[in-house]
Amino acid sequence: MSSLDSPKAFKQYVLEAVDGALSVLGGESVTKAFYYHLERRTNLTRHEIPCKLEAFHEALSELFGDGSAILEGRICRNLYKALGLEYSLINGKTLTAYVKEVFLKREAIQ
């Protein structure tokens, strides 16, 4: 069974990609603080992110403004790398679109 076969495993890859991108902001304490404020401001928990990517994208935009694109790019790079896929930046392509693309590739593999 490949790492893309299980939806649960795929969601875990997404969460790990997000965690990894957030960790560059200042480590574990900053990551925990981010998730705390994310939930308080948007009612979006960490575990809901893979299922509510558009809401997460909107929250990042609200919290980081134009800087959210840098964070989303890092999330995408982390996800693609973890899955052994090649990532290439396309201007205007959102986190949601990248993750859906990978998910569709997963569906095609099965």
C-alpha atoms as a PDB file:
ATOM      1  CA  MET A   1       0.000   0.000   0.000  1.00  0.00           C
ATOM      2  CA  SER A   2       1.509   3.352  -1.010  1.00  0.00           C
ATOM      3  CA  SER A   3       1.410   6.422   1.209  1.00  0.00           C
ATOM      4  CA  LEU A   4      -1.355   7.862  -0.959  1.00  0.00           C
ATOM      5  CA  ASP A   5      -3.714   4.891  -0.685  1.00  0.00           C
ATOM      6  CA  SER A   6      -5.402   5.886   2.553  1.00  0.00           C
ATOM      7  CA  PRO A   7      -7.386   9.138   2.867  1.00  0.00           C
ATOM      8  CA  LYS A   8      -6.443   9.179   6.549  1.00  0.00           C
ATOM      9  CA  ALA A   9      -2.753   8.914   5.688  1.00  0.00           C
ATOM     10  CA  PHE A  10      -3.119  11.655   3.073  1.00  0.00           C
ATOM     11  CA  LYS A  11      -4.719  13.975   5.638  1.00  0.00           C
ATOM     12  CA  GLN A  12      -1.812  13.262   7.965  1.00  0.00           C
ATOM     13  CA  TYR A  13       0.636  14.264   5.228  1.00  0.00           C
ATOM     14  CA  VAL A  14      -1.234  17.548   4.814  1.00  0.00           C
ATOM     15  CA  LEU A  15      -1.112  18.232   8.560  1.00  0.00           C
ATOM     16  CA  GLU A  16       2.589  17.416   8.727  1.00  0.00           C
ATOM     17  CA  ALA A  17       3.248  19.753   5.780  1.00  0.00           C
ATOM     18  CA  VAL A  18       1.391  22.551   7.577  1.00  0.00           C
ATOM     19  CA  ASP A  19       3.213  21.865  10.851  1.00  0.00           C
ATOM     20  CA  GLY A  20       6.565  21.897   9.076  1.00  0.00           C
ATOM     21  CA  ALA A  21       5.840  25.203   7.370  1.00  0.00           C
ATOM     22  CA  LEU A  22       4.674  26.796  10.617  1.00  0.00           C
ATOM     23  CA  SER A  23       7.721  25.554  12.505  1.00  0.00           C
ATOM     24  CA  VAL A  24       9.978  27.910  10.544  1.00  0.00           C
ATOM     25  CA  LEU A  25       8.114  30.812  12.129  1.00  0.00           C
ATOM     26  CA  GLY A  26       9.649  30.056  15.505  1.00  0.00           C
ATOM     27  CA  GLY A  27       9.398  26.454  16.565  1.00  0.00           C
ATOM     28  CA  GLU A  28       6.871  24.452  18.512  1.00  0.00           C
ATOM     29  CA  SER A  29       5.662  27.221  20.821  1.00  0.00           C
ATOM     30  CA  VAL A  30       4.875  29.523  17.886  1.00  0.00           C
ATOM     31  CA  THR A  31       3.130  26.684  16.074  1.00  0.00           C
ATOM     32  CA  LYS A  32       0.974  25.972  19.129  1.00  0.00           C
ATOM     33  CA  ALA A  33       0.177  29.663  19.494  1.00  0.00           C
ATOM     34  CA  PHE A  34      -0.806  29.849  15.822  1.00  0.00           C
ATOM     35  CA  TYR A  35      -3.224  26.916  16.159  1.00  0.00           C
ATOM     36  CA  TYR A  36      -4.682  28.434  19.321  1.00  0.00           C
ATOM     37  CA  HIS A  37      -5.366  31.755  17.589  1.00  0.00           C
ATOM     38  CA  LEU A  38      -6.595  30.022  14.444  1.00  0.00           C
ATOM     39  CA  GLU A  39      -9.235  28.161  16.430  1.00  0.00           C
ATOM     40  CA  ARG A  40     -10.199  31.195  18.524  1.00  0.00           C
ATOM     41  CA  ARG A  41     -10.580  33.488  15.492  1.00  0.00           C
ATOM     42  CA  THR A  42     -12.032  31.069  12.937  1.00  0.00           C
ATOM     43  CA  ASN A  43     -13.300  28.013  14.856  1.00  0.00           C
ATOM     44  CA  LEU A  44     -11.025  25.936  12.618  1.00  0.00           C
ATOM     45  CA  THR A  45      -9.024  23.284  14.467  1.00  0.00           C
ATOM     46  CA  ARG A  46      -5.738  21.810  13.300  1.00  0.00           C
ATOM     47  CA  HIS A  47      -7.361  18.471  12.516  1.00  0.00           C
ATOM     48  CA  GLU A  48     -10.000  20.097  10.301  1.00  0.00           C
ATOM     49  CA  ILE A  49      -7.464  21.737   7.989  1.00  0.00           C
ATOM     50  CA  PRO A  50      -7.246  18.914   5.391  1.00  0.00           C
ATOM     51  CA  CYS A  51     -11.045  18.894   5.012  1.00  0.00           C
ATOM     52  CA  LYS A  52     -11.460  22.675   5.133  1.00  0.00           C
ATOM     53  CA  LEU A  53      -8.572  23.896   3.012  1.00  0.00           C
ATOM     54  CA  GLU A  54     -10.428  26.890   1.618  1.00  0.00           C
ATOM     55  CA  ALA A  55     -11.266  28.109   5.127  1.00  0.00           C
ATOM     56  CA  PHE A  56      -7.634  27.581   6.126  1.00  0.00           C
ATOM     57  CA  HIS A  57      -6.464  29.517   3.051  1.00  0.00           C
ATOM     58  CA  GLU A  58      -8.804  32.388   3.973  1.00  0.00           C
ATOM     59  CA  ALA A  59      -7.601  32.342   7.589  1.00  0.00           C
ATOM     60  CA  LEU A  60      -3.961  32.499   6.476  1.00  0.00           C
ATOM     61  CA  SER A  61      -4.781  35.425   4.204  1.00  0.00           C
ATOM     62  CA  GLU A  62      -6.517  37.202   7.060  1.00  0.00           C
ATOM     63  CA  LEU A  63      -3.716  36.555   9.539  1.00  0.00           C
ATOM     64  CA  PHE A  64      -0.677  37.095   7.290  1.00  0.00           C
ATOM     65  CA  GLY A  65      -1.946  39.186   4.382  1.00  0.00           C
ATOM     66  CA  ASP A  66       0.258  38.896   1.303  1.00  0.00           C
ATOM     67  CA  GLY A  67       2.769  36.907   3.376  1.00  0.00           C
ATOM     68  CA  SER A  68       0.339  33.983   3.416  1.00  0.00           C
ATOM     69  CA  ALA A  69       1.464  33.080  -0.115  1.00  0.00           C
ATOM     70  CA  ILE A  70       4.972  32.370   1.191  1.00  0.00           C
ATOM     71  CA  LEU A  71       3.624  30.131   3.935  1.00  0.00           C
ATOM     72  CA  GLU A  72       1.285  28.325   1.529  1.00  0.00           C
ATOM     73  CA  GLY A  73       4.189  27.758  -0.857  1.00  0.00           C
ATOM     74  CA  ARG A  74       6.214  26.191   1.932  1.00  0.00           C
ATOM     75  CA  ILE A  75       3.256  23.958   2.873  1.00  0.00           C
ATOM     76  CA  CYS A  76       2.949  22.799  -0.733  1.00  0.00           C
ATOM     77  CA  ARG A  77       6.691  22.137  -1.059  1.00  0.00           C
ATOM     78  CA  ASN A  78       6.611  20.113   2.161  1.00  0.00           C
ATOM     79  CA  LEU A  79       3.623  18.061   0.999  1.00  0.00           C
ATOM     80  CA  TYR A  80       4.986  17.344  -2.458  1.00  0.00           C
ATOM     81  CA  LYS A  81       8.412  16.438  -1.060  1.00  0.00           C
ATOM     82  CA  ALA A  82       6.908  14.064   1.523  1.00  0.00           C
ATOM     83  CA  LEU A  83       4.965  12.315  -1.240  1.00  0.00           C
ATOM     84  CA  GLY A  84       7.927  12.131  -3.599  1.00  0.00           C
ATOM     85  CA  LEU A  85       6.362  14.509  -6.122  1.00  0.00           C
ATOM     86  CA  GLU A  86       7.912  17.412  -7.967  1.00  0.00           C
ATOM     87  CA  TYR A  87       6.630  20.824  -6.880  1.00  0.00           C
ATOM     88  CA  SER A  88       6.706  23.857  -9.110  1.00  0.00           C
ATOM     89  CA  LEU A  89       5.378  27.270  -8.149  1.00  0.00           C
ATOM     90  CA  ILE A  90       2.603  28.626 -10.342  1.00  0.00           C
ATOM     91  CA  ASN A  91       1.616  32.236  -9.638  1.00  0.00           C
ATOM     92  CA  GLY A  92      -1.974  32.539  -8.490  1.00  0.00           C
ATOM     93  CA  LYS A  93      -2.351  28.842  -7.673  1.00  0.00           C
ATOM     94  CA  THR A  94      -3.608  28.434  -4.116  1.00  0.00           C
ATOM     95  CA  LEU A  95      -2.892  25.880  -1.444  1.00  0.00           C
ATOM     96  CA  THR A  96      -6.341  24.431  -2.074  1.00  0.00           C
ATOM     97  CA  ALA A  97      -5.588  23.887  -5.758  1.00  0.00           C
ATOM     98  CA  TYR A  98      -2.226  22.249  -5.074  1.00  0.00           C
ATOM     99  CA  VAL A  99      -3.653  19.847  -2.486  1.00  0.00           C
ATOM    100  CA  LYS A 100      -6.605  18.961  -4.721  1.00  0.00           C
ATOM    101  CA  GLU A 101      -4.164  18.253  -7.545  1.00  0.00           C
ATOM    102  CA  VAL A 102      -2.175  15.865  -5.359  1.00  0.00           C
ATOM    103  CA  PHE A 103      -5.387  14.240  -4.122  1.00  0.00           C
ATOM    104  CA  LEU A 104      -6.535  13.689  -7.718  1.00  0.00           C
ATOM    105  CA  LYS A 105      -3.171  12.121  -8.545  1.00  0.00           C
ATOM    106  CA  ARG A 106      -3.779   9.834  -5.571  1.00  0.00           C
ATOM    107  CA  GLU A 107      -7.160   8.858  -7.003  1.00  0.00           C
ATOM    108  CA  ALA A 108      -5.609   8.156 -10.423  1.00  0.00           C
ATOM    109  CA  ILE A 109      -2.965   5.891  -8.876  1.00  0.00           C
ATOM    110  CA  GLN A 110      -5.541   3.669  -7.167  1.00  0.00           C
END
